[in-house]
Amino acid sequence: MSVRRDQTISPGLLGSIALHGAVAALIVFGLPWTSSKPITIGESVPVTIVAKGPTNVRPAVEAPEEQTAQTPEPTPEEREALRREEAQREALRREAQKQ
């Protein structure tokens, strides 16, 4: 007793094939409403590259006077807070290296 199945293609499979074919055709041939606009390129500027030639060998201009830092010296409380923050960062870095 063998059961004989029909060898017909189901309508769902036909619809899926048709839909996928339509999507593939749109991708291959392009969508009409997304046509690309021509790219306009500006005028080119001719450039001459000089590999050898005179160099500018004059010394650099130095400031007339030495300038000091503009930030005020931190207070002892600020220094202690900075040290604590640095210690916390160092502890986190060491912990991350262990993992």
N, C-alpha and C. Protein backbone atom coordinates (compact mmCIF):
# COMPACT_ATOMS: atom_id res chain seq x y z
N MET A 1 0.82 -1.17 0.00
CA MET A 1 0.00 0.00 0.00
C MET A 1 0.87 1.24 0.00
N SER A 2 1.09 1.74 -1.10
CA SER A 2 1.88 2.97 -1.19
C SER A 2 0.95 4.14 -1.46
N VAL A 3 1.29 5.22 -0.83
CA VAL A 3 0.49 6.43 -0.99
C VAL A 3 1.11 7.22 -2.13
N ARG A 4 0.31 7.59 -3.06
CA ARG A 4 0.81 8.33 -4.21
C ARG A 4 0.50 9.81 -4.01
N ARG A 5 1.54 10.61 -4.10
CA ARG A 5 1.35 12.05 -3.93
C ARG A 5 1.34 12.70 -5.30
N ASP A 6 0.58 13.74 -5.42
CA ASP A 6 0.56 14.49 -6.67
C ASP A 6 1.86 15.25 -6.82
N GLN A 7 2.36 15.33 -7.99
CA GLN A 7 3.62 16.01 -8.26
C GLN A 7 3.38 17.45 -8.73
N THR A 8 2.35 18.08 -8.25
CA THR A 8 2.05 19.45 -8.64
C THR A 8 2.72 20.42 -7.68
N ILE A 9 2.99 21.61 -8.19
CA ILE A 9 3.60 22.65 -7.37
C ILE A 9 2.49 23.43 -6.69
N SER A 10 2.66 23.69 -5.42
CA SER A 10 1.62 24.38 -4.66
C SER A 10 1.56 25.86 -5.07
N PRO A 11 0.41 26.50 -4.92
CA PRO A 11 0.28 27.91 -5.28
C PRO A 11 1.19 28.81 -4.44
N GLY A 12 1.43 28.44 -3.18
CA GLY A 12 2.30 29.25 -2.34
C GLY A 12 3.74 29.26 -2.86
N LEU A 13 4.20 28.10 -3.33
CA LEU A 13 5.54 28.02 -3.89
C LEU A 13 5.63 28.82 -5.18
N LEU A 14 4.64 28.75 -6.01
CA LEU A 14 4.63 29.54 -7.25
C LEU A 14 4.64 31.04 -6.94
N GLY A 15 3.86 31.45 -5.96
CA GLY A 15 3.82 32.87 -5.59
C GLY A 15 5.17 33.32 -5.04
N SER A 16 5.79 32.48 -4.23
CA SER A 16 7.10 32.82 -3.67
C SER A 16 8.14 32.95 -4.77
N ILE A 17 8.14 32.04 -5.71
CA ILE A 17 9.10 32.11 -6.83
C ILE A 17 8.87 33.36 -7.65
N ALA A 18 7.62 33.70 -7.92
CA ALA A 18 7.31 34.89 -8.71
C ALA A 18 7.73 36.16 -7.97
N LEU A 19 7.45 36.22 -6.68
CA LEU A 19 7.81 37.40 -5.90
C LEU A 19 9.33 37.57 -5.83
N HIS A 20 10.04 36.50 -5.55
CA HIS A 20 11.50 36.58 -5.50
C HIS A 20 12.08 36.94 -6.87
N GLY A 21 11.51 36.43 -7.92
CA GLY A 21 11.97 36.78 -9.27
C GLY A 21 11.76 38.26 -9.56
N ALA A 22 10.61 38.81 -9.13
CA ALA A 22 10.34 40.23 -9.35
C ALA A 22 11.31 41.10 -8.57
N VAL A 23 11.60 40.72 -7.33
CA VAL A 23 12.56 41.48 -6.52
C VAL A 23 13.94 41.42 -7.14
N ALA A 24 14.34 40.24 -7.61
CA ALA A 24 15.65 40.10 -8.24
C ALA A 24 15.73 40.94 -9.51
N ALA A 25 14.66 40.97 -10.30
CA ALA A 25 14.65 41.77 -11.53
C ALA A 25 14.75 43.26 -11.20
N LEU A 26 14.09 43.72 -10.14
CA LEU A 26 14.19 45.12 -9.74
C LEU A 26 15.62 45.46 -9.31
N ILE A 27 16.26 44.54 -8.60
CA ILE A 27 17.63 44.80 -8.16
C ILE A 27 18.57 44.84 -9.35
N VAL A 28 18.41 43.91 -10.29
CA VAL A 28 19.32 43.83 -11.44
C VAL A 28 19.12 45.01 -12.37
N PHE A 29 17.89 45.34 -12.69
CA PHE A 29 17.62 46.39 -13.66
C PHE A 29 17.43 47.76 -13.04
N GLY A 30 17.41 47.85 -11.75
CA GLY A 30 17.29 49.14 -11.07
C GLY A 30 15.86 49.59 -10.92
N LEU A 31 15.65 50.26 -9.83
CA LEU A 31 14.33 50.81 -9.60
C LEU A 31 14.19 52.11 -10.38
N PRO A 32 13.08 52.31 -11.08
CA PRO A 32 12.96 53.50 -11.94
C PRO A 32 12.92 54.80 -11.15
N TRP A 33 12.40 54.81 -9.94
CA TRP A 33 12.28 56.06 -9.19
C TRP A 33 13.55 56.39 -8.42
N THR A 34 14.54 55.51 -8.43
CA THR A 34 15.80 55.81 -7.76
C THR A 34 16.94 55.94 -8.76
N SER A 35 16.63 56.49 -9.91
CA SER A 35 17.68 56.64 -10.91
C SER A 35 18.72 57.62 -10.41
N SER A 36 19.96 57.30 -10.66
CA SER A 36 21.04 58.14 -10.15
C SER A 36 21.19 59.39 -11.01
N LYS A 37 21.49 60.48 -10.33
CA LYS A 37 21.71 61.73 -11.04
C LYS A 37 23.16 61.78 -11.49
N PRO A 38 23.44 62.40 -12.61
CA PRO A 38 24.84 62.47 -13.05
C PRO A 38 25.67 63.30 -12.07
N ILE A 39 26.86 62.83 -11.81
CA ILE A 39 27.75 63.52 -10.89
C ILE A 39 28.49 64.61 -11.65
N THR A 40 28.42 65.81 -11.11
CA THR A 40 29.15 66.91 -11.75
C THR A 40 30.46 67.10 -11.00
N ILE A 41 31.54 67.06 -11.73
CA ILE A 41 32.87 67.21 -11.15
C ILE A 41 33.36 68.61 -11.48
N GLY A 42 33.88 69.28 -10.48
CA GLY A 42 34.38 70.63 -10.68
C GLY A 42 35.60 70.66 -11.59
N GLU A 43 36.04 71.85 -11.89
CA GLU A 43 37.19 72.00 -12.76
C GLU A 43 38.44 71.49 -12.06
N SER A 44 39.34 70.94 -12.84
CA SER A 44 40.59 70.46 -12.26
C SER A 44 41.61 71.58 -12.25
N VAL A 45 42.51 71.51 -11.30
CA VAL A 45 43.56 72.52 -11.15
C VAL A 45 44.89 71.84 -11.44
N PRO A 46 45.64 72.35 -12.40
CA PRO A 46 46.93 71.73 -12.69
C PRO A 46 47.91 71.97 -11.54
N VAL A 47 48.68 70.94 -11.20
CA VAL A 47 49.64 71.02 -10.11
C VAL A 47 51.00 70.59 -10.64
N THR A 48 52.01 71.36 -10.32
CA THR A 48 53.37 71.01 -10.70
C THR A 48 54.09 70.53 -9.45
N ILE A 49 54.59 69.31 -9.50
CA ILE A 49 55.30 68.75 -8.36
C ILE A 49 56.79 69.00 -8.57
N VAL A 50 57.38 69.65 -7.59
CA VAL A 50 58.80 69.95 -7.67
C VAL A 50 59.53 69.01 -6.72
N ALA A 51 60.34 68.13 -7.27
CA ALA A 51 61.07 67.16 -6.44
C ALA A 51 62.39 67.75 -5.96
N LYS A 52 63.02 68.57 -6.77
CA LYS A 52 64.30 69.15 -6.39
C LYS A 52 64.21 70.66 -6.60
N GLY A 53 64.82 71.37 -5.72
CA GLY A 53 64.79 72.81 -5.84
C GLY A 53 65.34 73.46 -4.60
N PRO A 54 65.32 74.78 -4.55
CA PRO A 54 65.86 75.46 -3.38
C PRO A 54 64.99 75.21 -2.16
N THR A 55 65.64 75.09 -1.02
CA THR A 55 64.91 74.89 0.23
C THR A 55 65.04 76.14 1.08
N ASN A 56 64.10 76.31 1.94
CA ASN A 56 64.11 77.46 2.83
C ASN A 56 64.88 77.04 4.09
N VAL A 57 66.11 77.53 4.25
CA VAL A 57 66.97 77.07 5.35
C VAL A 57 67.10 78.10 6.47
N ARG A 58 66.26 79.07 6.50
CA ARG A 58 66.36 80.07 7.57
C ARG A 58 65.91 79.47 8.89
N PRO A 59 66.43 79.94 10.01
CA PRO A 59 66.05 79.37 11.31
C PRO A 59 64.60 79.73 11.67
N ALA A 60 64.04 78.92 12.53
CA ALA A 60 62.68 79.16 12.97
C ALA A 60 62.61 80.42 13.82
N VAL A 61 61.48 81.09 13.75
CA VAL A 61 61.28 82.31 14.53
C VAL A 61 60.99 81.90 15.97
N GLU A 62 61.75 82.46 16.91
CA GLU A 62 61.55 82.13 18.32
C GLU A 62 60.73 83.22 18.99
N ALA A 63 60.07 82.84 20.06
CA ALA A 63 59.29 83.80 20.82
C ALA A 63 60.24 84.79 21.49
N PRO A 64 59.83 86.07 21.62
CA PRO A 64 60.73 87.06 22.21
C PRO A 64 61.01 86.78 23.68
N GLU A 65 60.10 86.16 24.39
CA GLU A 65 60.33 85.87 25.80
C GLU A 65 59.68 84.54 26.16
N GLU A 66 60.21 83.86 27.13
CA GLU A 66 59.66 82.58 27.55
C GLU A 66 58.38 82.80 28.32
N GLN A 67 57.37 82.01 28.01
CA GLN A 67 56.08 82.16 28.67
C GLN A 67 55.88 81.03 29.67
N THR A 68 55.26 81.35 30.77
CA THR A 68 54.99 80.35 31.80
C THR A 68 53.58 79.81 31.63
N ALA A 69 53.30 78.73 32.35
CA ALA A 69 51.97 78.11 32.28
C ALA A 69 50.92 79.07 32.82
N GLN A 70 49.76 79.02 32.24
CA GLN A 70 48.67 79.92 32.64
C GLN A 70 47.78 79.33 33.72
N THR A 71 47.99 78.06 34.07
CA THR A 71 47.15 77.44 35.09
C THR A 71 47.73 77.68 36.47
N PRO A 72 46.89 77.90 37.47
CA PRO A 72 47.40 78.13 38.82
C PRO A 72 47.90 76.82 39.44
N GLU A 73 48.75 76.94 40.41
CA GLU A 73 49.27 75.78 41.14
C GLU A 73 48.12 75.16 41.93
N PRO A 74 47.96 73.81 41.88
CA PRO A 74 46.85 73.19 42.62
C PRO A 74 47.07 73.28 44.13
N THR A 75 45.95 73.37 44.83
CA THR A 75 46.01 73.42 46.30
C THR A 75 46.31 72.02 46.83
N PRO A 76 46.72 71.90 48.10
CA PRO A 76 46.99 70.56 48.66
C PRO A 76 45.79 69.62 48.59
N GLU A 77 44.57 70.15 48.76
CA GLU A 77 43.38 69.32 48.67
C GLU A 77 43.20 68.79 47.25
N GLU A 78 43.46 69.65 46.27
CA GLU A 78 43.32 69.23 44.87
C GLU A 78 44.38 68.19 44.53
N ARG A 79 45.61 68.36 45.04
CA ARG A 79 46.66 67.37 44.80
C ARG A 79 46.27 66.01 45.37
N GLU A 80 45.72 66.02 46.58
CA GLU A 80 45.32 64.76 47.20
C GLU A 80 44.20 64.09 46.40
N ALA A 81 43.25 64.89 45.92
CA ALA A 81 42.16 64.34 45.10
C ALA A 81 42.71 63.75 43.80
N LEU A 82 43.68 64.42 43.19
CA LEU A 82 44.29 63.89 41.97
C LEU A 82 45.04 62.59 42.25
N ARG A 83 45.73 62.52 43.36
CA ARG A 83 46.44 61.29 43.72
C ARG A 83 45.46 60.12 43.92
N ARG A 84 44.33 60.40 44.59
CA ARG A 84 43.33 59.35 44.80
C ARG A 84 42.75 58.87 43.47
N GLU A 85 42.46 59.81 42.57
CA GLU A 85 41.92 59.44 41.26
C GLU A 85 42.93 58.60 40.49
N GLU A 86 44.19 58.99 40.54
CA GLU A 86 45.23 58.23 39.84
C GLU A 86 45.36 56.83 40.43
N ALA A 87 45.28 56.71 41.76
CA ALA A 87 45.35 55.40 42.41
C ALA A 87 44.16 54.53 42.00
N GLN A 88 42.98 55.11 41.89
CA GLN A 88 41.80 54.35 41.45
C GLN A 88 41.97 53.87 40.02
N ARG A 89 42.47 54.75 39.14
CA ARG A 89 42.69 54.35 37.75
C ARG A 89 43.71 53.23 37.66
N GLU A 90 44.77 53.33 38.45
CA GLU A 90 45.80 52.29 38.45
C GLU A 90 45.24 50.96 38.95
N ALA A 91 44.40 51.01 39.99
CA ALA A 91 43.79 49.78 40.51
C ALA A 91 42.87 49.16 39.46
N LEU A 92 42.09 49.97 38.76
CA LEU A 92 41.22 49.46 37.70
C LEU A 92 42.03 48.86 36.56
N ARG A 93 43.15 49.50 36.22
CA ARG A 93 43.99 48.99 35.14
C ARG A 93 44.58 47.64 35.52
N ARG A 94 45.05 47.51 36.76
CA ARG A 94 45.61 46.23 37.21
C ARG A 94 44.54 45.14 37.23
N GLU A 95 43.34 45.51 37.68
CA GLU A 95 42.25 44.53 37.72
C GLU A 95 41.87 44.07 36.31
N ALA A 96 41.89 44.99 35.36
CA ALA A 96 41.56 44.64 33.97
C ALA A 96 42.64 43.74 33.38
N GLN A 97 43.89 43.93 33.77
CA GLN A 97 44.96 43.08 33.25
C GLN A 97 44.88 41.67 33.81
N LYS A 98 44.37 41.52 35.02
CA LYS A 98 44.24 40.19 35.61
C LYS A 98 43.20 39.36 34.89
N GLN A 99 42.19 39.98 34.34
CA GLN A 99 41.09 39.26 33.69
C GLN A 99 41.44 38.85 32.33
